[in-house]
Amino acid sequence: MPEDAEKIVPIAGHRKKEAEDTRTLSKKWGKEAIDLGYTVIPSALLRGQARLGIGPNELAVLIHLMDHWWKPEDMPWPSKKTIADRLMVSSKTVQRAIVNLEEAGLLKRKDRYHKTGGRTSNEYDLTPLVTRLKPIVADMEAAEKDAKAKRKAAERPGLKHRRSAS
């Protein structure tokens, strides 16, 4: 995370949880790696990738865009070249992935310009992705609830029958 990125100041009740989360991440990845910053990737994005209809290039580009998205109201604007260099692919591959993500309704590209009028990197609005994940999350939660109910019923198969008989 760049030095000029605003640090998140936790609400008093959340400080303990945030400190615990950071310690856990440090144990997993090493303190040095976590101290450089980290990106939260919702499991629903990874588990729902097929449902979103995106391939590995699109997912990789999304993850790199998310790495630049620090505040909810400030959408990321890394250059295609930056993403391409990090992924070791061509800028054209990144451009195709962005077009595919836009066509899939997962992001919106917004042109950005220098003060002198020249073009600079695009801004990428990821709110469509957030919106598209909501029904996927709801379906995953419902499936988890159903699976839990089935496990519980399997553990005590006669319980329902006994309750209705009393």
N, C-alpha and C. Protein backbone atom coordinates (compact mmCIF):
# COMPACT_ATOMS: atom_id res chain seq x y z
N MET A 1 0.85 -1.17 0.00
CA MET A 1 0.00 0.00 0.00
C MET A 1 0.90 1.23 0.00
N PRO A 2 0.64 2.20 -0.90
CA PRO A 2 1.48 3.39 -0.96
C PRO A 2 1.41 4.18 0.34
N GLU A 3 2.48 4.94 0.58
CA GLU A 3 2.54 5.73 1.80
C GLU A 3 1.44 6.77 1.87
N ASP A 4 1.02 7.33 0.72
CA ASP A 4 0.00 8.37 0.74
C ASP A 4 -1.41 7.82 0.86
N ALA A 5 -1.57 6.48 0.80
CA ALA A 5 -2.90 5.89 0.98
C ALA A 5 -3.31 6.06 2.44
N GLU A 6 -4.55 6.45 2.62
CA GLU A 6 -5.05 6.69 3.97
C GLU A 6 -5.13 5.36 4.73
N LYS A 7 -4.61 5.38 5.93
CA LYS A 7 -4.69 4.20 6.79
C LYS A 7 -6.11 4.11 7.34
N ILE A 8 -6.64 2.93 7.45
CA ILE A 8 -7.96 2.74 8.03
C ILE A 8 -7.83 2.82 9.54
N VAL A 9 -8.58 3.70 10.14
CA VAL A 9 -8.57 3.84 11.59
C VAL A 9 -9.77 3.08 12.11
N PRO A 10 -9.54 1.99 12.83
CA PRO A 10 -10.66 1.17 13.28
C PRO A 10 -11.46 1.86 14.38
N ILE A 11 -12.75 1.57 14.41
CA ILE A 11 -13.62 2.02 15.48
C ILE A 11 -13.17 1.29 16.74
N ALA A 12 -13.29 1.94 17.89
CA ALA A 12 -12.76 1.40 19.15
C ALA A 12 -13.07 -0.08 19.35
N GLY A 13 -14.28 -0.51 19.13
CA GLY A 13 -14.66 -1.91 19.35
C GLY A 13 -14.04 -2.87 18.35
N HIS A 14 -13.54 -2.36 17.25
CA HIS A 14 -12.99 -3.21 16.20
C HIS A 14 -11.47 -3.32 16.26
N ARG A 15 -10.83 -2.52 17.11
CA ARG A 15 -9.35 -2.53 17.17
C ARG A 15 -8.82 -3.89 17.55
N LYS A 16 -9.43 -4.53 18.53
CA LYS A 16 -8.96 -5.84 18.99
C LYS A 16 -9.09 -6.86 17.86
N LYS A 17 -10.22 -6.86 17.17
CA LYS A 17 -10.43 -7.80 16.06
C LYS A 17 -9.43 -7.54 14.94
N GLU A 18 -9.20 -6.26 14.60
CA GLU A 18 -8.25 -5.95 13.53
C GLU A 18 -6.85 -6.40 13.91
N ALA A 19 -6.46 -6.16 15.17
CA ALA A 19 -5.13 -6.58 15.63
C ALA A 19 -5.01 -8.09 15.56
N GLU A 20 -6.07 -8.79 15.94
CA GLU A 20 -6.07 -10.26 15.88
C GLU A 20 -5.97 -10.74 14.44
N ASP A 21 -6.72 -10.09 13.53
CA ASP A 21 -6.66 -10.46 12.12
C ASP A 21 -5.26 -10.25 11.55
N THR A 22 -4.64 -9.13 11.91
CA THR A 22 -3.29 -8.84 11.42
C THR A 22 -2.29 -9.86 11.95
N ARG A 23 -2.42 -10.24 13.21
CA ARG A 23 -1.52 -11.27 13.77
C ARG A 23 -1.70 -12.60 13.03
N THR A 24 -2.94 -12.95 12.76
CA THR A 24 -3.21 -14.20 12.05
C THR A 24 -2.60 -14.16 10.65
N LEU A 25 -2.80 -13.04 9.95
CA LEU A 25 -2.22 -12.91 8.61
C LEU A 25 -0.70 -12.95 8.66
N SER A 26 -0.12 -12.32 9.67
CA SER A 26 1.34 -12.33 9.82
C SER A 26 1.85 -13.73 10.06
N LYS A 27 1.10 -14.52 10.83
CA LYS A 27 1.50 -15.91 11.07
C LYS A 27 1.44 -16.71 9.77
N LYS A 28 0.42 -16.46 8.96
CA LYS A 28 0.28 -17.18 7.70
C LYS A 28 1.33 -16.78 6.67
N TRP A 29 1.48 -15.48 6.45
CA TRP A 29 2.26 -14.97 5.34
C TRP A 29 3.62 -14.40 5.74
N GLY A 30 3.83 -14.17 7.02
CA GLY A 30 5.06 -13.53 7.48
C GLY A 30 4.81 -12.04 7.67
N LYS A 31 5.34 -11.50 8.76
CA LYS A 31 5.11 -10.10 9.10
C LYS A 31 5.58 -9.16 7.99
N GLU A 32 6.74 -9.46 7.41
CA GLU A 32 7.29 -8.58 6.38
C GLU A 32 6.34 -8.46 5.18
N ALA A 33 5.76 -9.57 4.78
CA ALA A 33 4.85 -9.55 3.64
C ALA A 33 3.59 -8.75 3.96
N ILE A 34 3.05 -8.94 5.14
CA ILE A 34 1.82 -8.23 5.53
C ILE A 34 2.09 -6.75 5.75
N ASP A 35 3.27 -6.42 6.27
CA ASP A 35 3.61 -5.01 6.48
C ASP A 35 3.63 -4.21 5.18
N LEU A 36 3.85 -4.87 4.05
CA LEU A 36 3.82 -4.19 2.75
C LEU A 36 2.40 -3.88 2.30
N GLY A 37 1.42 -4.49 2.96
CA GLY A 37 0.01 -4.29 2.62
C GLY A 37 -0.60 -5.58 2.09
N TYR A 38 -1.89 -5.61 2.08
CA TYR A 38 -2.59 -6.79 1.57
C TYR A 38 -3.93 -6.38 0.99
N THR A 39 -4.48 -7.24 0.18
CA THR A 39 -5.75 -6.99 -0.50
C THR A 39 -6.75 -8.04 -0.05
N VAL A 40 -7.95 -7.60 0.29
CA VAL A 40 -9.01 -8.52 0.66
C VAL A 40 -9.72 -8.96 -0.62
N ILE A 41 -9.82 -10.26 -0.79
CA ILE A 41 -10.52 -10.81 -1.94
C ILE A 41 -11.68 -11.65 -1.40
N PRO A 42 -12.92 -11.23 -1.68
CA PRO A 42 -14.05 -12.01 -1.17
C PRO A 42 -14.04 -13.43 -1.72
N SER A 43 -14.26 -14.39 -0.85
CA SER A 43 -14.32 -15.79 -1.30
C SER A 43 -15.41 -15.98 -2.34
N ALA A 44 -16.47 -15.20 -2.25
CA ALA A 44 -17.56 -15.30 -3.23
C ALA A 44 -17.05 -15.02 -4.65
N LEU A 45 -16.06 -14.14 -4.79
CA LEU A 45 -15.49 -13.86 -6.11
C LEU A 45 -14.75 -15.09 -6.63
N LEU A 46 -13.95 -15.69 -5.78
CA LEU A 46 -13.18 -16.87 -6.21
C LEU A 46 -14.10 -18.06 -6.47
N ARG A 47 -15.01 -18.32 -5.54
CA ARG A 47 -15.91 -19.48 -5.68
C ARG A 47 -16.98 -19.26 -6.74
N GLY A 48 -17.27 -17.99 -7.04
CA GLY A 48 -18.30 -17.68 -8.03
C GLY A 48 -17.75 -17.31 -9.38
N GLN A 49 -16.46 -17.54 -9.59
CA GLN A 49 -15.82 -17.16 -10.84
C GLN A 49 -16.54 -17.74 -12.06
N ALA A 50 -16.86 -19.01 -12.04
CA ALA A 50 -17.53 -19.63 -13.19
C ALA A 50 -18.90 -19.02 -13.40
N ARG A 51 -19.60 -18.77 -12.32
CA ARG A 51 -20.93 -18.18 -12.42
C ARG A 51 -20.87 -16.76 -12.99
N LEU A 52 -19.80 -16.05 -12.70
CA LEU A 52 -19.62 -14.71 -13.26
C LEU A 52 -19.21 -14.78 -14.73
N GLY A 53 -18.78 -15.97 -15.17
CA GLY A 53 -18.41 -16.16 -16.57
C GLY A 53 -17.08 -15.53 -16.94
N ILE A 54 -16.15 -15.54 -16.00
CA ILE A 54 -14.84 -14.94 -16.29
C ILE A 54 -13.75 -15.99 -16.23
N GLY A 55 -12.76 -15.82 -17.09
CA GLY A 55 -11.64 -16.73 -17.15
C GLY A 55 -10.51 -16.29 -16.23
N PRO A 56 -9.40 -17.01 -16.29
CA PRO A 56 -8.27 -16.70 -15.41
C PRO A 56 -7.64 -15.33 -15.66
N ASN A 57 -7.59 -14.90 -16.91
CA ASN A 57 -7.01 -13.57 -17.18
C ASN A 57 -7.89 -12.46 -16.58
N GLU A 58 -9.20 -12.61 -16.73
CA GLU A 58 -10.11 -11.61 -16.18
C GLU A 58 -10.02 -11.58 -14.65
N LEU A 59 -9.95 -12.76 -14.04
CA LEU A 59 -9.83 -12.82 -12.58
C LEU A 59 -8.53 -12.17 -12.11
N ALA A 60 -7.44 -12.48 -12.80
CA ALA A 60 -6.14 -11.90 -12.42
C ALA A 60 -6.17 -10.38 -12.55
N VAL A 61 -6.76 -9.87 -13.61
CA VAL A 61 -6.85 -8.41 -13.79
C VAL A 61 -7.73 -7.81 -12.69
N LEU A 62 -8.85 -8.45 -12.38
CA LEU A 62 -9.70 -7.96 -11.29
C LEU A 62 -8.94 -7.89 -9.97
N ILE A 63 -8.18 -8.91 -9.67
CA ILE A 63 -7.41 -8.93 -8.42
C ILE A 63 -6.41 -7.78 -8.39
N HIS A 64 -5.78 -7.50 -9.52
CA HIS A 64 -4.83 -6.38 -9.55
C HIS A 64 -5.56 -5.04 -9.44
N LEU A 65 -6.74 -4.92 -10.02
CA LEU A 65 -7.52 -3.70 -9.84
C LEU A 65 -7.91 -3.54 -8.37
N MET A 66 -8.30 -4.64 -7.73
CA MET A 66 -8.68 -4.60 -6.31
C MET A 66 -7.49 -4.19 -5.44
N ASP A 67 -6.30 -4.56 -5.85
CA ASP A 67 -5.10 -4.19 -5.09
C ASP A 67 -4.89 -2.67 -5.08
N HIS A 68 -5.48 -1.98 -6.03
CA HIS A 68 -5.36 -0.52 -6.11
C HIS A 68 -6.60 0.20 -5.56
N TRP A 69 -7.56 -0.56 -5.06
CA TRP A 69 -8.82 0.02 -4.59
C TRP A 69 -8.77 0.13 -3.07
N TRP A 70 -8.37 1.29 -2.56
CA TRP A 70 -8.15 1.46 -1.14
C TRP A 70 -9.35 1.99 -0.39
N LYS A 71 -10.11 2.89 -1.01
CA LYS A 71 -11.28 3.47 -0.36
C LYS A 71 -12.50 3.20 -1.23
N PRO A 72 -13.65 2.90 -0.60
CA PRO A 72 -14.84 2.56 -1.40
C PRO A 72 -15.22 3.62 -2.43
N GLU A 73 -15.04 4.87 -2.10
CA GLU A 73 -15.46 5.94 -3.01
C GLU A 73 -14.41 6.31 -4.06
N ASP A 74 -13.18 5.84 -3.91
CA ASP A 74 -12.11 6.15 -4.85
C ASP A 74 -11.77 4.91 -5.67
N MET A 75 -12.28 4.87 -6.88
CA MET A 75 -12.05 3.70 -7.71
C MET A 75 -10.61 3.67 -8.22
N PRO A 76 -10.11 2.46 -8.50
CA PRO A 76 -8.71 2.30 -8.92
C PRO A 76 -8.47 2.80 -10.35
N TRP A 77 -7.22 3.17 -10.62
CA TRP A 77 -6.84 3.64 -11.94
C TRP A 77 -5.42 3.25 -12.34
N PRO A 78 -5.03 2.00 -12.11
CA PRO A 78 -3.69 1.60 -12.56
C PRO A 78 -3.64 1.53 -14.09
N SER A 79 -2.46 1.70 -14.63
CA SER A 79 -2.33 1.60 -16.09
C SER A 79 -2.36 0.13 -16.51
N LYS A 80 -2.75 -0.08 -17.75
CA LYS A 80 -2.75 -1.44 -18.30
C LYS A 80 -1.32 -1.99 -18.31
N LYS A 81 -0.35 -1.12 -18.56
CA LYS A 81 1.05 -1.55 -18.58
C LYS A 81 1.48 -2.04 -17.20
N THR A 82 1.09 -1.35 -16.15
CA THR A 82 1.44 -1.78 -14.79
C THR A 82 0.90 -3.18 -14.52
N ILE A 83 -0.37 -3.38 -14.86
CA ILE A 83 -0.99 -4.70 -14.64
C ILE A 83 -0.32 -5.75 -15.51
N ALA A 84 -0.06 -5.41 -16.77
CA ALA A 84 0.58 -6.35 -17.70
C ALA A 84 1.96 -6.76 -17.20
N ASP A 85 2.73 -5.80 -16.72
CA ASP A 85 4.07 -6.10 -16.20
C ASP A 85 3.98 -7.04 -15.00
N ARG A 86 3.05 -6.79 -14.11
CA ARG A 86 2.91 -7.64 -12.93
C ARG A 86 2.47 -9.05 -13.29
N LEU A 87 1.61 -9.18 -14.30
CA LEU A 87 1.11 -10.49 -14.72
C LEU A 87 2.00 -11.18 -15.74
N MET A 88 3.01 -10.45 -16.23
CA MET A 88 3.90 -10.97 -17.27
C MET A 88 3.13 -11.37 -18.53
N VAL A 89 2.22 -10.48 -18.92
CA VAL A 89 1.46 -10.64 -20.16
C VAL A 89 1.56 -9.33 -20.92
N SER A 90 1.03 -9.30 -22.12
CA SER A 90 1.05 -8.07 -22.91
C SER A 90 -0.04 -7.11 -22.45
N SER A 91 0.15 -5.84 -22.76
CA SER A 91 -0.89 -4.85 -22.46
C SER A 91 -2.17 -5.18 -23.22
N LYS A 92 -2.02 -5.77 -24.39
CA LYS A 92 -3.19 -6.16 -25.19
C LYS A 92 -4.00 -7.24 -24.47
N THR A 93 -3.33 -8.18 -23.79
CA THR A 93 -4.03 -9.22 -23.02
C THR A 93 -4.83 -8.58 -21.90
N VAL A 94 -4.24 -7.60 -21.23
CA VAL A 94 -4.94 -6.89 -20.15
C VAL A 94 -6.11 -6.12 -20.74
N GLN A 95 -5.89 -5.47 -21.86
CA GLN A 95 -6.97 -4.71 -22.52
C GLN A 95 -8.14 -5.62 -22.88
N ARG A 96 -7.85 -6.80 -23.43
CA ARG A 96 -8.92 -7.76 -23.77
C ARG A 96 -9.67 -8.19 -22.53
N ALA A 97 -8.94 -8.46 -21.44
CA ALA A 97 -9.58 -8.87 -20.19
C ALA A 97 -10.50 -7.77 -19.67
N ILE A 98 -10.06 -6.53 -19.74
CA ILE A 98 -10.88 -5.41 -19.28
C ILE A 98 -12.14 -5.27 -20.14
N VAL A 99 -12.00 -5.42 -21.44
CA VAL A 99 -13.17 -5.37 -22.33
C VAL A 99 -14.13 -6.49 -21.96
N ASN A 100 -13.62 -7.70 -21.74
CA ASN A 100 -14.47 -8.82 -21.34
C ASN A 100 -15.18 -8.56 -20.02
N LEU A 101 -14.46 -7.97 -19.06
CA LEU A 101 -15.07 -7.65 -17.76
C LEU A 101 -16.15 -6.59 -17.91
N GLU A 102 -15.91 -5.64 -18.79
CA GLU A 102 -16.90 -4.59 -19.04
C GLU A 102 -18.13 -5.18 -19.73
N GLU A 103 -17.90 -6.04 -20.72
CA GLU A 103 -19.02 -6.68 -21.42
C GLU A 103 -19.81 -7.61 -20.51
N ALA A 104 -19.14 -8.20 -19.52
CA ALA A 104 -19.80 -9.08 -18.55
C ALA A 104 -20.55 -8.27 -17.48
N GLY A 105 -20.42 -6.96 -17.54
CA GLY A 105 -21.11 -6.11 -16.58
C GLY A 105 -20.48 -6.11 -15.19
N LEU A 106 -19.16 -6.32 -15.13
CA LEU A 106 -18.47 -6.40 -13.85
C LEU A 106 -17.67 -5.14 -13.51
N LEU A 107 -17.45 -4.30 -14.49
CA LEU A 107 -16.78 -3.02 -14.23
C LEU A 107 -17.19 -2.03 -15.29
N LYS A 108 -16.94 -0.76 -14.97
CA LYS A 108 -17.18 0.33 -15.93
C LYS A 108 -15.89 1.11 -16.05
N ARG A 109 -15.48 1.31 -17.29
CA ARG A 109 -14.28 2.11 -17.57
C ARG A 109 -14.66 3.58 -17.66
N LYS A 110 -13.85 4.42 -17.06
CA LYS A 110 -14.06 5.87 -17.17
C LYS A 110 -12.75 6.50 -17.63
N ASP A 111 -12.86 7.30 -18.69
CA ASP A 111 -11.67 7.99 -19.20
C ASP A 111 -11.17 9.00 -18.18
N ARG A 112 -9.86 9.15 -18.11
CA ARG A 112 -9.22 10.16 -17.26
C ARG A 112 -8.28 10.97 -18.14
N TYR A 113 -8.14 12.25 -17.79
CA TYR A 113 -7.31 13.15 -18.59
C TYR A 113 -6.37 13.95 -17.69
N HIS A 114 -5.19 14.25 -18.22
CA HIS A 114 -4.26 15.16 -17.55
C HIS A 114 -4.85 16.56 -17.57
N LYS A 115 -4.31 17.43 -16.74
CA LYS A 115 -4.76 18.84 -16.73
C LYS A 115 -4.53 19.50 -18.08
N THR A 116 -3.53 19.01 -18.81
CA THR A 116 -3.22 19.57 -20.13
C THR A 116 -4.15 19.05 -21.22
N GLY A 117 -5.00 18.08 -20.86
CA GLY A 117 -5.96 17.54 -21.82
C GLY A 117 -5.61 16.18 -22.38
N GLY A 118 -4.37 15.73 -22.19
CA GLY A 118 -3.97 14.42 -22.69
C GLY A 118 -4.57 13.29 -21.86
N ARG A 119 -4.71 12.16 -22.48
CA ARG A 119 -5.28 10.99 -21.79
C ARG A 119 -4.28 10.40 -20.82
N THR A 120 -4.81 9.81 -19.78
CA THR A 120 -4.01 9.05 -18.82
C THR A 120 -4.75 7.73 -18.57
N SER A 121 -4.33 6.98 -17.58
CA SER A 121 -4.95 5.68 -17.35
C SER A 121 -6.44 5.82 -17.01
N ASN A 122 -7.20 4.80 -17.37
CA ASN A 122 -8.62 4.79 -17.08
C ASN A 122 -8.87 4.59 -15.59
N GLU A 123 -10.04 5.02 -15.15
CA GLU A 123 -10.51 4.67 -13.81
C GLU A 123 -11.45 3.48 -14.01
N TYR A 124 -11.43 2.55 -13.06
CA TYR A 124 -12.24 1.34 -13.18
C TYR A 124 -13.22 1.27 -12.02
N ASP A 125 -14.49 1.44 -12.34
CA ASP A 125 -15.55 1.38 -11.33
C ASP A 125 -15.89 -0.09 -11.10
N LEU A 126 -15.66 -0.56 -9.89
CA LEU A 126 -15.90 -1.97 -9.56
C LEU A 126 -17.24 -2.19 -8.86
N THR A 127 -18.06 -1.15 -8.73
CA THR A 127 -19.35 -1.35 -8.07
C THR A 127 -20.26 -2.35 -8.81
N PRO A 128 -20.19 -2.45 -10.14
CA PRO A 128 -20.99 -3.49 -10.79
C PRO A 128 -20.61 -4.90 -10.33
N LEU A 129 -19.33 -5.14 -10.06
CA LEU A 129 -18.88 -6.43 -9.55
C LEU A 129 -19.50 -6.69 -8.18
N VAL A 130 -19.46 -5.68 -7.32
CA VAL A 130 -20.04 -5.81 -5.98
C VAL A 130 -21.52 -6.17 -6.09
N THR A 131 -22.23 -5.50 -6.99
CA THR A 131 -23.66 -5.76 -7.19
C THR A 131 -23.89 -7.18 -7.70
N ARG A 132 -23.07 -7.63 -8.66
CA ARG A 132 -23.23 -8.97 -9.23
C ARG A 132 -22.91 -10.07 -8.23
N LEU A 133 -22.06 -9.77 -7.23
CA LEU A 133 -21.72 -10.79 -6.23
C LEU A 133 -22.85 -11.03 -5.23
N LYS A 134 -23.72 -10.04 -5.02
CA LYS A 134 -24.76 -10.16 -3.99
C LYS A 134 -25.66 -11.38 -4.17
N PRO A 135 -26.23 -11.65 -5.36
CA PRO A 135 -27.06 -12.86 -5.48
C PRO A 135 -26.24 -14.16 -5.37
N ILE A 136 -24.98 -14.10 -5.78
CA ILE A 136 -24.11 -15.27 -5.64
C ILE A 136 -23.90 -15.57 -4.16
N VAL A 137 -23.65 -14.53 -3.38
CA VAL A 137 -23.48 -14.69 -1.93
C VAL A 137 -24.76 -15.26 -1.33
N ALA A 138 -25.91 -14.71 -1.71
CA ALA A 138 -27.19 -15.19 -1.17
C ALA A 138 -27.39 -16.67 -1.49
N ASP A 139 -27.08 -17.08 -2.72
CA ASP A 139 -27.21 -18.49 -3.10
C ASP A 139 -26.24 -19.37 -2.31
N MET A 140 -25.02 -18.89 -2.11
CA MET A 140 -24.03 -19.66 -1.35
C MET A 140 -24.47 -19.80 0.11
N GLU A 141 -25.01 -18.73 0.68
CA GLU A 141 -25.50 -18.80 2.06
C GLU A 141 -26.67 -19.77 2.17
N ALA A 142 -27.59 -19.73 1.21
CA ALA A 142 -28.74 -20.65 1.22
C ALA A 142 -28.28 -22.09 1.08
N ALA A 143 -27.31 -22.34 0.21
CA ALA A 143 -26.79 -23.70 0.03
C ALA A 143 -26.11 -24.18 1.30
N GLU A 144 -25.37 -23.28 1.96
CA GLU A 144 -24.70 -23.65 3.21
C GLU A 144 -25.73 -23.96 4.29
N LYS A 145 -26.79 -23.18 4.36
CA LYS A 145 -27.86 -23.40 5.34
C LYS A 145 -28.55 -24.74 5.09
N ASP A 146 -28.85 -25.03 3.81
CA ASP A 146 -29.47 -26.31 3.45
C ASP A 146 -28.57 -27.48 3.81
N ALA A 147 -27.28 -27.35 3.52
CA ALA A 147 -26.33 -28.43 3.81
C ALA A 147 -26.25 -28.66 5.32
N LYS A 148 -26.26 -27.57 6.08
CA LYS A 148 -26.20 -27.69 7.54
C LYS A 148 -27.45 -28.38 8.07
N ALA A 149 -28.61 -28.02 7.53
CA ALA A 149 -29.86 -28.66 7.95
C ALA A 149 -29.86 -30.15 7.61
N LYS A 150 -29.33 -30.51 6.44
CA LYS A 150 -29.25 -31.92 6.05
C LYS A 150 -28.31 -32.70 6.96
N ARG A 151 -27.17 -32.07 7.31
CA ARG A 151 -26.24 -32.75 8.23
C ARG A 151 -26.89 -32.97 9.58
N LYS A 152 -27.59 -31.96 10.06
CA LYS A 152 -28.25 -32.05 11.36
C LYS A 152 -29.34 -33.13 11.32
N ALA A 153 -30.10 -33.18 10.24
CA ALA A 153 -31.15 -34.19 10.10
C ALA A 153 -30.55 -35.59 10.03
N ALA A 154 -29.40 -35.72 9.39
CA ALA A 154 -28.75 -37.02 9.27
C ALA A 154 -28.19 -37.49 10.62
N GLU A 155 -27.76 -36.53 11.44
CA GLU A 155 -27.22 -36.88 12.75
C GLU A 155 -28.31 -37.36 13.69
N ARG A 156 -29.54 -36.85 13.54
CA ARG A 156 -30.64 -37.22 14.42
C ARG A 156 -31.88 -37.50 13.58
N PRO A 157 -31.88 -38.60 12.83
CA PRO A 157 -32.94 -38.85 11.86
C PRO A 157 -34.35 -38.98 12.45
N GLY A 158 -34.50 -39.48 13.66
CA GLY A 158 -35.85 -39.68 14.22
C GLY A 158 -36.37 -38.50 14.98
N LEU A 159 -35.60 -37.44 15.15
CA LEU A 159 -35.99 -36.31 15.99
C LEU A 159 -37.26 -35.63 15.48
N LYS A 160 -37.36 -35.37 14.21
CA LYS A 160 -38.53 -34.68 13.66
C LYS A 160 -39.78 -35.52 13.88
N HIS A 161 -39.66 -36.81 13.62
CA HIS A 161 -40.82 -37.70 13.76
C HIS A 161 -41.27 -37.76 15.21
N ARG A 162 -40.32 -37.85 16.14
CA ARG A 162 -40.67 -37.92 17.57
C ARG A 162 -41.34 -36.63 18.04
N ARG A 163 -40.87 -35.48 17.56
CA ARG A 163 -41.45 -34.22 17.98
C ARG A 163 -42.89 -34.09 17.53
N SER A 164 -43.18 -34.50 16.29
CA SER A 164 -44.54 -34.36 15.79
C SER A 164 -45.49 -35.35 16.45
N ALA A 165 -44.98 -36.44 16.99
CA ALA A 165 -45.82 -37.45 17.63
C ALA A 165 -46.25 -37.00 19.03
N SER A 166 -45.52 -36.08 19.68
CA SER A 166 -45.87 -35.69 21.05
C SER A 166 -46.97 -34.69 21.12
